[in-house]
Amino acid sequence: MPGSVRVLFFATAREAVGTAELSLSVPKSGLSVANLLDEIQLLYPKLAPVLRVSRFVRNGAYLRGRFGMIRPGDEFAIHPPYSGG
């Protein structure tokens, strides 16, 4: 039985998707970060250029590139470059 992962979008990623957060179904065994990003990009094509320059965070820890696994119950965040003000 699949579970879900909470996906958070910040700055231009949020603008491309139209929401700050969504829940995606993932297999119980998990899904690679690269496959999760491919799935999100299929759902939201406008996000593609943003993903090329973004950093990714799983459960509060920055990832190196698109490596690692996402499992049900995880929180995954997409952080494009942005500046404060």
N, C-alpha and C. Protein backbone atom coordinates (compact mmCIF):
# COMPACT_ATOMS: atom_id res chain seq x y z
N MET A 1 0.85 -1.18 0.00
CA MET A 1 0.00 0.00 0.00
C MET A 1 0.89 1.24 0.00
N PRO A 2 0.63 2.17 -0.91
CA PRO A 2 1.47 3.37 -0.97
C PRO A 2 1.18 4.31 0.20
N GLY A 3 2.13 5.20 0.44
CA GLY A 3 1.97 6.25 1.43
C GLY A 3 2.11 7.58 0.74
N SER A 4 2.29 8.62 1.51
CA SER A 4 2.44 9.94 0.89
C SER A 4 3.64 10.67 1.43
N VAL A 5 4.10 11.62 0.64
CA VAL A 5 5.19 12.50 1.02
C VAL A 5 4.66 13.93 0.91
N ARG A 6 5.05 14.75 1.84
CA ARG A 6 4.67 16.17 1.83
C ARG A 6 5.73 16.92 1.05
N VAL A 7 5.33 17.64 0.00
CA VAL A 7 6.25 18.41 -0.83
C VAL A 7 5.98 19.89 -0.61
N LEU A 8 7.03 20.63 -0.27
CA LEU A 8 6.93 22.06 -0.02
C LEU A 8 7.63 22.82 -1.15
N PHE A 9 7.03 23.90 -1.59
CA PHE A 9 7.57 24.72 -2.67
C PHE A 9 7.82 26.13 -2.16
N PHE A 10 8.97 26.68 -2.49
CA PHE A 10 9.32 28.03 -2.05
C PHE A 10 9.59 28.93 -3.24
N ALA A 11 9.36 30.23 -3.06
CA ALA A 11 9.69 31.29 -4.02
C ALA A 11 9.16 30.96 -5.42
N THR A 12 10.04 30.94 -6.43
CA THR A 12 9.60 30.72 -7.82
C THR A 12 9.05 29.32 -8.04
N ALA A 13 9.43 28.36 -7.23
CA ALA A 13 8.84 27.01 -7.33
C ALA A 13 7.37 27.08 -6.95
N ARG A 14 7.06 27.82 -5.90
CA ARG A 14 5.66 27.98 -5.48
C ARG A 14 4.86 28.69 -6.57
N GLU A 15 5.45 29.70 -7.20
CA GLU A 15 4.77 30.41 -8.28
C GLU A 15 4.50 29.49 -9.47
N ALA A 16 5.46 28.63 -9.81
CA ALA A 16 5.31 27.73 -10.97
C ALA A 16 4.23 26.68 -10.73
N VAL A 17 4.09 26.24 -9.48
CA VAL A 17 3.14 25.18 -9.15
C VAL A 17 1.77 25.75 -8.77
N GLY A 18 1.78 26.93 -8.18
CA GLY A 18 0.52 27.56 -7.77
C GLY A 18 0.08 27.22 -6.37
N THR A 19 0.94 26.57 -5.61
CA THR A 19 0.64 26.24 -4.22
C THR A 19 1.95 26.11 -3.45
N ALA A 20 1.87 26.26 -2.14
CA ALA A 20 3.06 26.14 -1.30
C ALA A 20 3.34 24.71 -0.88
N GLU A 21 2.35 23.85 -1.01
CA GLU A 21 2.49 22.49 -0.49
C GLU A 21 1.51 21.54 -1.17
N LEU A 22 1.96 20.30 -1.34
CA LEU A 22 1.04 19.26 -1.79
C LEU A 22 1.50 17.92 -1.25
N SER A 23 0.63 16.96 -1.35
CA SER A 23 0.91 15.60 -0.89
C SER A 23 0.92 14.69 -2.10
N LEU A 24 2.01 13.92 -2.25
CA LEU A 24 2.12 13.00 -3.38
C LEU A 24 2.22 11.57 -2.87
N SER A 25 1.62 10.68 -3.60
CA SER A 25 1.66 9.26 -3.26
C SER A 25 3.01 8.68 -3.69
N VAL A 26 3.62 7.90 -2.81
CA VAL A 26 4.86 7.20 -3.12
C VAL A 26 4.71 5.74 -2.68
N PRO A 27 5.41 4.83 -3.36
CA PRO A 27 5.33 3.43 -2.95
C PRO A 27 5.87 3.23 -1.54
N LYS A 28 5.40 2.20 -0.88
CA LYS A 28 5.85 1.89 0.48
C LYS A 28 7.37 1.73 0.52
N SER A 29 7.95 1.19 -0.56
CA SER A 29 9.40 0.99 -0.63
C SER A 29 10.16 2.28 -0.89
N GLY A 30 9.46 3.35 -1.22
CA GLY A 30 10.09 4.63 -1.48
C GLY A 30 10.28 4.90 -2.96
N LEU A 31 10.83 6.07 -3.23
CA LEU A 31 11.04 6.54 -4.60
C LEU A 31 12.33 7.35 -4.57
N SER A 32 13.15 7.23 -5.60
CA SER A 32 14.37 8.02 -5.63
C SER A 32 14.01 9.50 -5.78
N VAL A 33 14.90 10.36 -5.31
CA VAL A 33 14.68 11.80 -5.45
C VAL A 33 14.52 12.16 -6.92
N ALA A 34 15.37 11.59 -7.78
CA ALA A 34 15.29 11.88 -9.22
C ALA A 34 13.93 11.49 -9.78
N ASN A 35 13.41 10.32 -9.39
CA ASN A 35 12.10 9.89 -9.88
C ASN A 35 10.97 10.75 -9.34
N LEU A 36 11.08 11.17 -8.08
CA LEU A 36 10.07 12.06 -7.51
C LEU A 36 10.06 13.38 -8.27
N LEU A 37 11.23 13.93 -8.57
CA LEU A 37 11.31 15.19 -9.30
C LEU A 37 10.76 15.03 -10.71
N ASP A 38 11.03 13.90 -11.35
CA ASP A 38 10.46 13.64 -12.68
C ASP A 38 8.93 13.64 -12.62
N GLU A 39 8.40 13.00 -11.59
CA GLU A 39 6.95 12.92 -11.43
C GLU A 39 6.34 14.31 -11.21
N ILE A 40 6.98 15.11 -10.37
CA ILE A 40 6.49 16.47 -10.11
C ILE A 40 6.55 17.30 -11.38
N GLN A 41 7.64 17.15 -12.13
CA GLN A 41 7.82 17.91 -13.36
C GLN A 41 6.76 17.54 -14.41
N LEU A 42 6.35 16.28 -14.44
CA LEU A 42 5.28 15.88 -15.35
C LEU A 42 3.95 16.54 -14.98
N LEU A 43 3.71 16.66 -13.68
CA LEU A 43 2.47 17.29 -13.21
C LEU A 43 2.48 18.80 -13.40
N TYR A 44 3.68 19.40 -13.29
CA TYR A 44 3.83 20.86 -13.34
C TYR A 44 4.97 21.23 -14.27
N PRO A 45 4.75 21.21 -15.59
CA PRO A 45 5.82 21.47 -16.55
C PRO A 45 6.52 22.83 -16.38
N LYS A 46 5.80 23.83 -15.87
CA LYS A 46 6.41 25.15 -15.66
C LYS A 46 7.52 25.11 -14.60
N LEU A 47 7.55 24.05 -13.83
CA LEU A 47 8.54 23.92 -12.77
C LEU A 47 9.91 23.48 -13.30
N ALA A 48 9.97 22.93 -14.50
CA ALA A 48 11.21 22.36 -15.05
C ALA A 48 12.42 23.29 -14.95
N PRO A 49 12.35 24.55 -15.42
CA PRO A 49 13.53 25.41 -15.33
C PRO A 49 13.92 25.74 -13.89
N VAL A 50 12.95 25.78 -13.01
CA VAL A 50 13.23 26.08 -11.60
C VAL A 50 13.98 24.91 -10.96
N LEU A 51 13.59 23.68 -11.29
CA LEU A 51 14.24 22.51 -10.70
C LEU A 51 15.72 22.44 -11.06
N ARG A 52 16.08 22.94 -12.24
CA ARG A 52 17.49 22.88 -12.67
C ARG A 52 18.42 23.69 -11.77
N VAL A 53 17.88 24.68 -11.07
CA VAL A 53 18.73 25.55 -10.24
C VAL A 53 18.40 25.45 -8.75
N SER A 54 17.53 24.53 -8.39
CA SER A 54 17.06 24.42 -7.00
C SER A 54 17.91 23.51 -6.15
N ARG A 55 17.80 23.70 -4.85
CA ARG A 55 18.36 22.78 -3.86
C ARG A 55 17.19 22.04 -3.24
N PHE A 56 17.48 20.83 -2.76
CA PHE A 56 16.44 19.97 -2.24
C PHE A 56 16.73 19.59 -0.80
N VAL A 57 15.67 19.54 -0.01
CA VAL A 57 15.78 19.26 1.42
C VAL A 57 14.84 18.10 1.77
N ARG A 58 15.38 17.08 2.42
CA ARG A 58 14.57 15.96 2.89
C ARG A 58 14.61 15.95 4.40
N ASN A 59 13.44 16.08 5.01
CA ASN A 59 13.32 16.05 6.47
C ASN A 59 14.30 17.00 7.16
N GLY A 60 14.45 18.19 6.59
CA GLY A 60 15.27 19.23 7.20
C GLY A 60 16.74 19.19 6.85
N ALA A 61 17.19 18.24 6.04
CA ALA A 61 18.61 18.13 5.68
C ALA A 61 18.78 18.34 4.18
N TYR A 62 19.69 19.24 3.81
CA TYR A 62 19.96 19.48 2.40
C TYR A 62 20.56 18.23 1.76
N LEU A 63 20.13 17.95 0.55
CA LEU A 63 20.64 16.80 -0.21
C LEU A 63 21.72 17.28 -1.17
N ARG A 64 22.58 16.38 -1.54
CA ARG A 64 23.58 16.67 -2.57
C ARG A 64 23.01 16.20 -3.90
N GLY A 65 22.54 17.14 -4.68
CA GLY A 65 21.97 16.80 -5.98
C GLY A 65 20.64 16.08 -5.87
N ARG A 66 20.44 15.13 -6.76
CA ARG A 66 19.18 14.41 -6.85
C ARG A 66 19.32 12.98 -6.35
N PHE A 67 20.18 12.79 -5.36
CA PHE A 67 20.44 11.46 -4.83
C PHE A 67 19.64 11.20 -3.56
N GLY A 68 19.41 9.95 -3.28
CA GLY A 68 18.72 9.57 -2.06
C GLY A 68 17.33 9.04 -2.36
N MET A 69 16.68 8.58 -1.30
CA MET A 69 15.35 8.01 -1.40
C MET A 69 14.36 8.84 -0.59
N ILE A 70 13.15 8.90 -1.11
CA ILE A 70 12.04 9.54 -0.42
C ILE A 70 11.07 8.43 -0.04
N ARG A 71 10.69 8.40 1.23
CA ARG A 71 9.80 7.35 1.71
C ARG A 71 8.51 7.96 2.27
N PRO A 72 7.45 7.16 2.34
CA PRO A 72 6.21 7.68 2.91
C PRO A 72 6.45 8.31 4.27
N GLY A 73 5.84 9.46 4.49
CA GLY A 73 5.99 10.19 5.74
C GLY A 73 7.07 11.25 5.69
N ASP A 74 7.92 11.23 4.65
CA ASP A 74 8.98 12.23 4.52
C ASP A 74 8.40 13.60 4.14
N GLU A 75 9.19 14.62 4.43
CA GLU A 75 8.91 15.97 3.95
C GLU A 75 10.02 16.33 2.98
N PHE A 76 9.66 16.77 1.80
CA PHE A 76 10.61 17.11 0.75
C PHE A 76 10.36 18.54 0.32
N ALA A 77 11.39 19.37 0.35
CA ALA A 77 11.23 20.78 0.02
C ALA A 77 12.10 21.16 -1.17
N ILE A 78 11.56 22.03 -2.00
CA ILE A 78 12.27 22.54 -3.17
C ILE A 78 12.56 24.01 -2.93
N HIS A 79 13.87 24.34 -2.90
CA HIS A 79 14.34 25.70 -2.61
C HIS A 79 15.09 26.25 -3.82
N PRO A 80 14.43 27.06 -4.65
CA PRO A 80 15.15 27.73 -5.73
C PRO A 80 15.97 28.87 -5.14
N PRO A 81 16.88 29.43 -5.92
CA PRO A 81 17.61 30.60 -5.41
C PRO A 81 16.64 31.74 -5.12
N TYR A 82 16.82 32.39 -4.00
CA TYR A 82 15.99 33.55 -3.66
C TYR A 82 16.78 34.43 -2.70
N SER A 83 16.35 35.67 -2.61
CA SER A 83 17.01 36.59 -1.68
C SER A 83 15.98 37.18 -0.74
N GLY A 84 16.43 37.52 0.44
CA GLY A 84 15.53 38.10 1.42
C GLY A 84 15.46 39.61 1.28
N GLY A 85 14.58 40.18 2.01
CA GLY A 85 14.47 41.63 1.92
C GLY A 85 13.64 42.17 3.01
